[in-house]
Structure formats: structure tokens, C-alpha cells
Amino acid sequence: MATRKFAIAKQLGGKRVITNKGEEVGRLSDIQIDTKTGDLAVFLVEPAADSKIAATLPKNEEDFIMVPYKAVYAVSDVIVIDETALV
């Protein structure tokens, strides 16, 4: 079963991340898991160079945008995040 979860998570890497208003944020680089609960915690997003919203979002020491999982609205061909949950 762990292999199946890994394969699903691997398919998410590189997906475009946009806001629920259609603004480009960047591309998914990695996912952080809460080691105590096993829940998804944070999506690490490589910011798009020309994204106005990406410039305003908190970043880690590696300059990846830290999107809390609670802000993820939908996942399909792209990952949609709710702008109101980012602040």
C-alpha cells in the first residue's frame, strides 16, 4: 500500500498551482507531512517568476512558497488553492 501512496504523490510533482481566482502561483515541488499524525501539512511550491501573488507569500529558507494544506481547494490537472486561506 505504501508504494501506491508514493506513486500518487509522485504524480503531483510539477503540477501547476493556481489560485481560485485563476492567478498563477508556481509549480508543486514537494509535500511536507506531519510526522505525528501522518496528515499532509504543507505544499512547497516553486514560485512562478512573473507571479504577483507568489511574491507576497511566505517562503522557506530554500525560497519555496509554503502553502498550508488547508488552502488546497482542488487537485486535478492543476492544483487550486484558496487565496483567503493563505493569510
PDB file of N, CA and C in Angstrom:
ATOM      1  N   MET A   1       0.816  -1.199   0.000  1.00  0.00           N
ATOM      2  CA  MET A   1       0.000   0.000   0.000  1.00  0.00           C
ATOM      3  C   MET A   1       0.858   1.260   0.000  1.00  0.00           C
ATOM      4  N   ALA A   2       1.981   1.269   0.686  1.00  0.00           N
ATOM      5  CA  ALA A   2       2.856   2.443   0.723  1.00  0.00           C
ATOM      6  C   ALA A   2       3.344   2.798  -0.675  1.00  0.00           C
ATOM      7  N   THR A   3       3.609   1.807  -1.494  1.00  0.00           N
ATOM      8  CA  THR A   3       4.062   2.061  -2.857  1.00  0.00           C
ATOM      9  C   THR A   3       2.987   2.803  -3.638  1.00  0.00           C
ATOM     10  N   ARG A   4       1.760   2.430  -3.462  1.00  0.00           N
ATOM     11  CA  ARG A   4       0.654   3.083  -4.161  1.00  0.00           C
ATOM     12  C   ARG A   4       0.556   4.551  -3.754  1.00  0.00           C
ATOM     13  N   LYS A   5       0.668   4.860  -2.456  1.00  0.00           N
ATOM     14  CA  LYS A   5       0.613   6.237  -1.987  1.00  0.00           C
ATOM     15  C   LYS A   5       1.774   7.033  -2.571  1.00  0.00           C
ATOM     16  N   PHE A   6       2.939   6.435  -2.632  1.00  0.00           N
ATOM     17  CA  PHE A   6       4.106   7.104  -3.191  1.00  0.00           C
ATOM     18  C   PHE A   6       3.874   7.443  -4.651  1.00  0.00           C
ATOM     19  N   ALA A   7       3.323   6.519  -5.388  1.00  0.00           N
ATOM     20  CA  ALA A   7       3.072   6.745  -6.812  1.00  0.00           C
ATOM     21  C   ALA A   7       2.090   7.888  -7.009  1.00  0.00           C
ATOM     22  N   ILE A   8       1.070   7.966  -6.187  1.00  0.00           N
ATOM     23  CA  ILE A   8       0.086   9.040  -6.301  1.00  0.00           C
ATOM     24  C   ILE A   8       0.745  10.374  -5.978  1.00  0.00           C
ATOM     25  N   ALA A   9       1.509  10.447  -4.903  1.00  0.00           N
ATOM     26  CA  ALA A   9       2.192  11.685  -4.535  1.00  0.00           C
ATOM     27  C   ALA A   9       3.187  12.092  -5.614  1.00  0.00           C
ATOM     28  N   LYS A  10       3.861  11.124  -6.203  1.00  0.00           N
ATOM     29  CA  LYS A  10       4.839  11.417  -7.251  1.00  0.00           C
ATOM     30  C   LYS A  10       4.165  12.048  -8.463  1.00  0.00           C
ATOM     31  N   GLN A  11       2.950  11.659  -8.756  1.00  0.00           N
ATOM     32  CA  GLN A  11       2.220  12.215  -9.894  1.00  0.00           C
ATOM     33  C   GLN A  11       1.872  13.685  -9.692  1.00  0.00           C
ATOM     34  N   LEU A  12       1.840  14.151  -8.451  1.00  0.00           N
ATOM     35  CA  LEU A  12       1.509  15.543  -8.174  1.00  0.00           C
ATOM     36  C   LEU A  12       2.680  16.479  -8.446  1.00  0.00           C
ATOM     37  N   GLY A  13       3.897  15.985  -8.330  1.00  0.00           N
ATOM     38  CA  GLY A  13       5.089  16.810  -8.513  1.00  0.00           C
ATOM     39  C   GLY A  13       5.106  17.489  -9.869  1.00  0.00           C
ATOM     40  N   GLY A  14       5.392  18.788  -9.876  1.00  0.00           N
ATOM     41  CA  GLY A  14       5.474  19.538 -11.116  1.00  0.00           C
ATOM     42  C   GLY A  14       4.159  20.114 -11.600  1.00  0.00           C
ATOM     43  N   LYS A  15       3.053  19.772 -10.925  1.00  0.00           N
ATOM     44  CA  LYS A  15       1.746  20.321 -11.348  1.00  0.00           C
ATOM     45  C   LYS A  15       1.713  21.824 -11.104  1.00  0.00           C
ATOM     46  N   ARG A  16       1.045  22.526 -12.008  1.00  0.00           N
ATOM     47  CA  ARG A  16       0.847  23.966 -11.847  1.00  0.00           C
ATOM     48  C   ARG A  16      -0.029  24.227 -10.634  1.00  0.00           C
ATOM     49  N   VAL A  17       0.287  25.287  -9.907  1.00  0.00           N
ATOM     50  CA  VAL A  17      -0.510  25.718  -8.761  1.00  0.00           C
ATOM     51  C   VAL A  17      -1.079  27.092  -9.104  1.00  0.00           C
ATOM     52  N   ILE A  18      -2.399  27.206  -9.018  1.00  0.00           N
ATOM     53  CA  ILE A  18      -3.073  28.475  -9.286  1.00  0.00           C
ATOM     54  C   ILE A  18      -4.026  28.786  -8.135  1.00  0.00           C
ATOM     55  N   THR A  19      -4.434  30.048  -8.038  1.00  0.00           N
ATOM     56  CA  THR A  19      -5.402  30.417  -7.010  1.00  0.00           C
ATOM     57  C   THR A  19      -6.813  30.177  -7.533  1.00  0.00           C
ATOM     58  N   ASN A  20      -7.773  30.236  -6.638  1.00  0.00           N
ATOM     59  CA  ASN A  20      -9.174  30.074  -7.033  1.00  0.00           C
ATOM     60  C   ASN A  20      -9.663  31.242  -7.890  1.00  0.00           C
ATOM     61  N   LYS A  21      -8.828  32.282  -8.029  1.00  0.00           N
ATOM     62  CA  LYS A  21      -9.147  33.406  -8.923  1.00  0.00           C
ATOM     63  C   LYS A  21      -8.399  33.295 -10.243  1.00  0.00           C
ATOM     64  N   GLY A  22      -7.684  32.181 -10.434  1.00  0.00           N
ATOM     65  CA  GLY A  22      -7.008  31.922 -11.694  1.00  0.00           C
ATOM     66  C   GLY A  22      -5.593  32.473 -11.815  1.00  0.00           C
ATOM     67  N   GLU A  23      -5.043  33.008 -10.733  1.00  0.00           N
ATOM     68  CA  GLU A  23      -3.691  33.562 -10.785  1.00  0.00           C
ATOM     69  C   GLU A  23      -2.644  32.467 -10.630  1.00  0.00           C
ATOM     70  N   GLU A  24      -1.632  32.517 -11.471  1.00  0.00           N
ATOM     71  CA  GLU A  24      -0.531  31.547 -11.433  1.00  0.00           C
ATOM     72  C   GLU A  24       0.310  31.782 -10.178  1.00  0.00           C
ATOM     73  N   VAL A  25       0.605  30.705  -9.447  1.00  0.00           N
ATOM     74  CA  VAL A  25       1.468  30.789  -8.270  1.00  0.00           C
ATOM     75  C   VAL A  25       2.821  30.160  -8.579  1.00  0.00           C
ATOM     76  N   GLY A  26       2.809  28.959  -9.152  1.00  0.00           N
ATOM     77  CA  GLY A  26       4.053  28.268  -9.475  1.00  0.00           C
ATOM     78  C   GLY A  26       3.794  26.800  -9.746  1.00  0.00           C
ATOM     79  N   ARG A  27       4.798  25.962  -9.422  1.00  0.00           N
ATOM     80  CA  ARG A  27       4.684  24.514  -9.624  1.00  0.00           C
ATOM     81  C   ARG A  27       5.007  23.788  -8.325  1.00  0.00           C
ATOM     82  N   LEU A  28       4.245  22.722  -8.056  1.00  0.00           N
ATOM     83  CA  LEU A  28       4.468  21.939  -6.850  1.00  0.00           C
ATOM     84  C   LEU A  28       5.828  21.259  -6.914  1.00  0.00           C
ATOM     85  N   SER A  29       6.610  21.454  -5.861  1.00  0.00           N
ATOM     86  CA  SER A  29       7.934  20.851  -5.790  1.00  0.00           C
ATOM     87  C   SER A  29       7.965  19.682  -4.810  1.00  0.00           C
ATOM     88  N   ASP A  30       7.306  19.854  -3.650  1.00  0.00           N
ATOM     89  CA  ASP A  30       7.368  18.826  -2.614  1.00  0.00           C
ATOM     90  C   ASP A  30       6.177  18.967  -1.684  1.00  0.00           C
ATOM     91  N   ILE A  31       5.964  17.952  -0.871  1.00  0.00           N
ATOM     92  CA  ILE A  31       4.884  17.962   0.115  1.00  0.00           C
ATOM     93  C   ILE A  31       5.484  17.594   1.465  1.00  0.00           C
ATOM     94  N   GLN A  32       5.149  18.370   2.496  1.00  0.00           N
ATOM     95  CA  GLN A  32       5.587  18.039   3.851  1.00  0.00           C
ATOM     96  C   GLN A  32       4.441  17.353   4.580  1.00  0.00           C
ATOM     97  N   ILE A  33       4.806  16.328   5.322  1.00  0.00           N
ATOM     98  CA  ILE A  33       3.831  15.536   6.085  1.00  0.00           C
ATOM     99  C   ILE A  33       4.043  15.792   7.569  1.00  0.00           C
ATOM    100  N   ASP A  34       2.968  15.885   8.328  1.00  0.00           N
ATOM    101  CA  ASP A  34       3.059  15.968   9.787  1.00  0.00           C
ATOM    102  C   ASP A  34       3.455  14.586  10.288  1.00  0.00           C
ATOM    103  N   THR A  35       4.647  14.459  10.849  1.00  0.00           N
ATOM    104  CA  THR A  35       5.152  13.149  11.245  1.00  0.00           C
ATOM    105  C   THR A  35       4.387  12.537  12.418  1.00  0.00           C
ATOM    106  N   LYS A  36       3.698  13.352  13.191  1.00  0.00           N
ATOM    107  CA  LYS A  36       2.929  12.819  14.326  1.00  0.00           C
ATOM    108  C   LYS A  36       1.594  12.233  13.882  1.00  0.00           C
ATOM    109  N   THR A  37       0.947  12.903  12.929  1.00  0.00           N
ATOM    110  CA  THR A  37      -0.390  12.460  12.525  1.00  0.00           C
ATOM    111  C   THR A  37      -0.417  11.747  11.178  1.00  0.00           C
ATOM    112  N   GLY A  38       0.610  11.981  10.367  1.00  0.00           N
ATOM    113  CA  GLY A  38       0.635  11.413   9.023  1.00  0.00           C
ATOM    114  C   GLY A  38      -0.174  12.214   8.018  1.00  0.00           C
ATOM    115  N   ASP A  39      -0.721  13.347   8.462  1.00  0.00           N
ATOM    116  CA  ASP A  39      -1.531  14.196   7.584  1.00  0.00           C
ATOM    117  C   ASP A  39      -0.644  15.061   6.692  1.00  0.00           C
ATOM    118  N   LEU A  40      -1.174  15.434   5.532  1.00  0.00           N
ATOM    119  CA  LEU A  40      -0.492  16.408   4.691  1.00  0.00           C
ATOM    120  C   LEU A  40      -0.472  17.728   5.442  1.00  0.00           C
ATOM    121  N   ALA A  41       0.674  18.416   5.444  1.00  0.00           N
ATOM    122  CA  ALA A  41       0.788  19.664   6.191  1.00  0.00           C
ATOM    123  C   ALA A  41       0.995  20.870   5.278  1.00  0.00           C
ATOM    124  N   VAL A  42       1.997  20.792   4.410  1.00  0.00           N
ATOM    125  CA  VAL A  42       2.378  21.946   3.608  1.00  0.00           C
ATOM    126  C   VAL A  42       2.765  21.496   2.203  1.00  0.00           C
ATOM    127  N   PHE A  43       2.313  22.242   1.205  1.00  0.00           N
ATOM    128  CA  PHE A  43       2.780  22.050  -0.166  1.00  0.00           C
ATOM    129  C   PHE A  43       3.885  23.074  -0.403  1.00  0.00           C
ATOM    130  N   LEU A  44       5.029  22.621  -0.884  1.00  0.00           N
ATOM    131  CA  LEU A  44       6.132  23.516  -1.212  1.00  0.00           C
ATOM    132  C   LEU A  44       6.079  23.784  -2.710  1.00  0.00           C
ATOM    133  N   VAL A  45       5.949  25.053  -3.060  1.00  0.00           N
ATOM    134  CA  VAL A  45       5.717  25.458  -4.439  1.00  0.00           C
ATOM    135  C   VAL A  45       6.884  26.319  -4.929  1.00  0.00           C
ATOM    136  N   GLU A  46       7.419  25.941  -6.085  1.00  0.00           N
ATOM    137  CA  GLU A  46       8.440  26.769  -6.720  1.00  0.00           C
ATOM    138  C   GLU A  46       7.709  27.936  -7.381  1.00  0.00           C
ATOM    139  N   PRO A  47       7.971  29.172  -6.943  1.00  0.00           N
ATOM    140  CA  PRO A  47       7.198  30.307  -7.454  1.00  0.00           C
ATOM    141  C   PRO A  47       7.444  30.583  -8.931  1.00  0.00           C
ATOM    142  N   ALA A  48       6.383  30.988  -9.609  1.00  0.00           N
ATOM    143  CA  ALA A  48       6.494  31.431 -10.996  1.00  0.00           C
ATOM    144  C   ALA A  48       7.165  32.797 -10.997  1.00  0.00           C
ATOM    145  N   ALA A  49       8.069  33.017 -11.927  1.00  0.00           N
ATOM    146  CA  ALA A  49       8.857  34.247 -11.969  1.00  0.00           C
ATOM    147  C   ALA A  49       8.005  35.507 -12.109  1.00  0.00           C
ATOM    148  N   ASP A  50       6.922  35.423 -12.848  1.00  0.00           N
ATOM    149  CA  ASP A  50       6.099  36.609 -13.100  1.00  0.00           C
ATOM    150  C   ASP A  50       4.824  36.672 -12.260  1.00  0.00           C
ATOM    151  N   SER A  51       4.762  35.864 -11.194  1.00  0.00           N
ATOM    152  CA  SER A  51       3.562  35.815 -10.362  1.00  0.00           C
ATOM    153  C   SER A  51       3.573  36.918  -9.309  1.00  0.00           C
ATOM    154  N   LYS A  52       2.554  37.782  -9.358  1.00  0.00           N
ATOM    155  CA  LYS A  52       2.448  38.859  -8.362  1.00  0.00           C
ATOM    156  C   LYS A  52       2.097  38.299  -6.991  1.00  0.00           C
ATOM    157  N   ILE A  53       1.216  37.318  -6.948  1.00  0.00           N
ATOM    158  CA  ILE A  53       0.808  36.764  -5.658  1.00  0.00           C
ATOM    159  C   ILE A  53       1.931  35.949  -5.018  1.00  0.00           C
ATOM    160  N   ALA A  54       2.730  35.266  -5.823  1.00  0.00           N
ATOM    161  CA  ALA A  54       3.825  34.463  -5.282  1.00  0.00           C
ATOM    162  C   ALA A  54       4.816  35.328  -4.520  1.00  0.00           C
ATOM    163  N   ALA A  55       5.002  36.549  -4.971  1.00  0.00           N
ATOM    164  CA  ALA A  55       5.947  37.461  -4.323  1.00  0.00           C
ATOM    165  C   ALA A  55       5.484  37.866  -2.923  1.00  0.00           C
ATOM    166  N   THR A  56       4.192  37.731  -2.639  1.00  0.00           N
ATOM    167  CA  THR A  56       3.656  38.161  -1.345  1.00  0.00           C
ATOM    168  C   THR A  56       3.521  37.025  -0.332  1.00  0.00           C
ATOM    169  N   LEU A  57       3.740  35.787  -0.761  1.00  0.00           N
ATOM    170  CA  LEU A  57       3.510  34.629   0.111  1.00  0.00           C
ATOM    171  C   LEU A  57       4.770  34.243   0.870  1.00  0.00           C
ATOM    172  N   PRO A  58       4.603  33.653   2.079  1.00  0.00           N
ATOM    173  CA  PRO A  58       5.768  33.256   2.880  1.00  0.00           C
ATOM    174  C   PRO A  58       6.568  32.149   2.204  1.00  0.00           C
ATOM    175  N   LYS A  59       7.889  32.244   2.338  1.00  0.00           N
ATOM    176  CA  LYS A  59       8.785  31.252   1.742  1.00  0.00           C
ATOM    177  C   LYS A  59       9.676  30.652   2.820  1.00  0.00           C
ATOM    178  N   ASN A  60      10.173  29.444   2.533  1.00  0.00           N
ATOM    179  CA  ASN A  60      11.118  28.807   3.435  1.00  0.00           C
ATOM    180  C   ASN A  60      12.527  29.257   3.071  1.00  0.00           C
ATOM    181  N   GLU A  61      13.523  28.686   3.736  1.00  0.00           N
ATOM    182  CA  GLU A  61      14.917  29.077   3.502  1.00  0.00           C
ATOM    183  C   GLU A  61      15.401  28.730   2.097  1.00  0.00           C
ATOM    184  N   GLU A  62      14.694  27.856   1.402  1.00  0.00           N
ATOM    185  CA  GLU A  62      15.064  27.466   0.033  1.00  0.00           C
ATOM    186  C   GLU A  62      14.257  28.225  -1.018  1.00  0.00           C
ATOM    187  N   ASP A  63      13.519  29.255  -0.591  1.00  0.00           N
ATOM    188  CA  ASP A  63      12.689  30.099  -1.460  1.00  0.00           C
ATOM    189  C   ASP A  63      11.500  29.390  -2.091  1.00  0.00           C
ATOM    190  N   PHE A  64      11.026  28.307  -1.471  1.00  0.00           N
ATOM    191  CA  PHE A  64       9.783  27.682  -1.906  1.00  0.00           C
ATOM    192  C   PHE A  64       8.629  28.312  -1.135  1.00  0.00           C
ATOM    193  N   ILE A  65       7.527  28.565  -1.822  1.00  0.00           N
ATOM    194  CA  ILE A  65       6.325  29.086  -1.168  1.00  0.00           C
ATOM    195  C   ILE A  65       5.743  27.970  -0.315  1.00  0.00           C
ATOM    196  N   MET A  66       5.359  28.317   0.895  1.00  0.00           N
ATOM    197  CA  MET A  66       4.788  27.341   1.822  1.00  0.00           C
ATOM    198  C   MET A  66       3.270  27.511   1.841  1.00  0.00           C
ATOM    199  N   VAL A  67       2.585  26.585   1.180  1.00  0.00           N
ATOM    200  CA  VAL A  67       1.126  26.631   1.093  1.00  0.00           C
ATOM    201  C   VAL A  67       0.561  25.605   2.079  1.00  0.00           C
ATOM    202  N   PRO A  68      -0.146  26.065   3.119  1.00  0.00           N
ATOM    203  CA  PRO A  68      -0.739  25.102   4.057  1.00  0.00           C
ATOM    204  C   PRO A  68      -1.760  24.221   3.345  1.00  0.00           C
ATOM    205  N   TYR A  69      -1.792  22.962   3.725  1.00  0.00           N
ATOM    206  CA  TYR A  69      -2.704  22.027   3.058  1.00  0.00           C
ATOM    207  C   TYR A  69      -4.155  22.489   3.149  1.00  0.00           C
ATOM    208  N   LYS A  70      -4.510  23.182   4.231  1.00  0.00           N
ATOM    209  CA  LYS A  70      -5.897  23.663   4.377  1.00  0.00           C
ATOM    210  C   LYS A  70      -6.286  24.631   3.259  1.00  0.00           C
ATOM    211  N   ALA A  71      -5.290  25.214   2.576  1.00  0.00           N
ATOM    212  CA  ALA A  71      -5.571  26.148   1.487  1.00  0.00           C
ATOM    213  C   ALA A  71      -5.807  25.447   0.154  1.00  0.00           C
ATOM    214  N   VAL A  72      -5.525  24.144   0.086  1.00  0.00           N
ATOM    215  CA  VAL A  72      -5.709  23.405  -1.164  1.00  0.00           C
ATOM    216  C   VAL A  72      -7.199  23.171  -1.379  1.00  0.00           C
ATOM    217  N   TYR A  73      -7.688  23.697  -2.486  1.00  0.00           N
ATOM    218  CA  TYR A  73      -9.110  23.658  -2.792  1.00  0.00           C
ATOM    219  C   TYR A  73      -9.456  22.459  -3.664  1.00  0.00           C
ATOM    220  N   ALA A  74      -8.595  22.173  -4.659  1.00  0.00           N
ATOM    221  CA  ALA A  74      -8.862  21.078  -5.587  1.00  0.00           C
ATOM    222  C   ALA A  74      -7.561  20.639  -6.244  1.00  0.00           C
ATOM    223  N   VAL A  75      -7.524  19.348  -6.619  1.00  0.00           N
ATOM    224  CA  VAL A  75      -6.371  18.797  -7.323  1.00  0.00           C
ATOM    225  C   VAL A  75      -6.888  18.007  -8.518  1.00  0.00           C
ATOM    226  N   SER A  76      -6.444  18.394  -9.698  1.00  0.00           N
ATOM    227  CA  SER A  76      -6.762  17.644 -10.919  1.00  0.00           C
ATOM    228  C   SER A  76      -5.610  17.874 -11.884  1.00  0.00           C
ATOM    229  N   ASP A  77      -5.872  18.474 -13.043  1.00  0.00           N
ATOM    230  CA  ASP A  77      -4.782  18.807 -13.962  1.00  0.00           C
ATOM    231  C   ASP A  77      -3.890  19.887 -13.370  1.00  0.00           C
ATOM    232  N   VAL A  78      -4.477  20.723 -12.508  1.00  0.00           N
ATOM    233  CA  VAL A  78      -3.748  21.748 -11.769  1.00  0.00           C
ATOM    234  C   VAL A  78      -4.145  21.642 -10.301  1.00  0.00           C
ATOM    235  N   ILE A  79      -3.362  22.286  -9.445  1.00  0.00           N
ATOM    236  CA  ILE A  79      -3.700  22.357  -8.023  1.00  0.00           C
ATOM    237  C   ILE A  79      -4.249  23.752  -7.775  1.00  0.00           C
ATOM    238  N   VAL A  80      -5.461  23.824  -7.240  1.00  0.00           N
ATOM    239  CA  VAL A  80      -6.114  25.101  -6.978  1.00  0.00           C
ATOM    240  C   VAL A  80      -6.055  25.375  -5.482  1.00  0.00           C
ATOM    241  N   ILE A  81      -5.583  26.575  -5.138  1.00  0.00           N
ATOM    242  CA  ILE A  81      -5.536  26.956  -3.733  1.00  0.00           C
ATOM    243  C   ILE A  81      -6.452  28.153  -3.479  1.00  0.00           C
ATOM    244  N   ASP A  82      -7.005  28.204  -2.296  1.00  0.00           N
ATOM    245  CA  ASP A  82      -7.923  29.271  -1.891  1.00  0.00           C
ATOM    246  C   ASP A  82      -7.105  30.432  -1.354  1.00  0.00           C
ATOM    247  N   GLU A  83      -7.167  31.567  -2.031  1.00  0.00           N
ATOM    248  CA  GLU A  83      -6.393  32.751  -1.621  1.00  0.00           C
ATOM    249  C   GLU A  83      -6.711  33.185  -0.193  1.00  0.00           C
ATOM    250  N   THR A  84      -7.959  33.064   0.217  1.00  0.00           N
ATOM    251  CA  THR A  84      -8.329  33.544   1.553  1.00  0.00           C
ATOM    252  C   THR A  84      -7.727  32.701   2.661  1.00  0.00           C
ATOM    253  N   ALA A  85      -7.338  31.467   2.365  1.00  0.00           N
ATOM    254  CA  ALA A  85      -6.739  30.588   3.373  1.00  0.00           C
ATOM    255  C   ALA A  85      -5.217  30.756   3.461  1.00  0.00           C
ATOM    256  N   LEU A  86      -4.661  31.628   2.637  1.00  0.00           N
ATOM    257  CA  LEU A  86      -3.212  31.829   2.632  1.00  0.00           C
ATOM    258  C   LEU A  86      -2.745  32.857   3.655  1.00  0.00           C
ATOM    259  N   VAL A  87      -3.639  33.694   4.129  1.00  0.00           N
ATOM    260  CA  VAL A  87      -3.244  34.738   5.067  1.00  0.00           C
ATOM    261  C   VAL A  87      -3.523  34.346   6.481  1.00  0.00           C
TER     262      VAL A  87
END
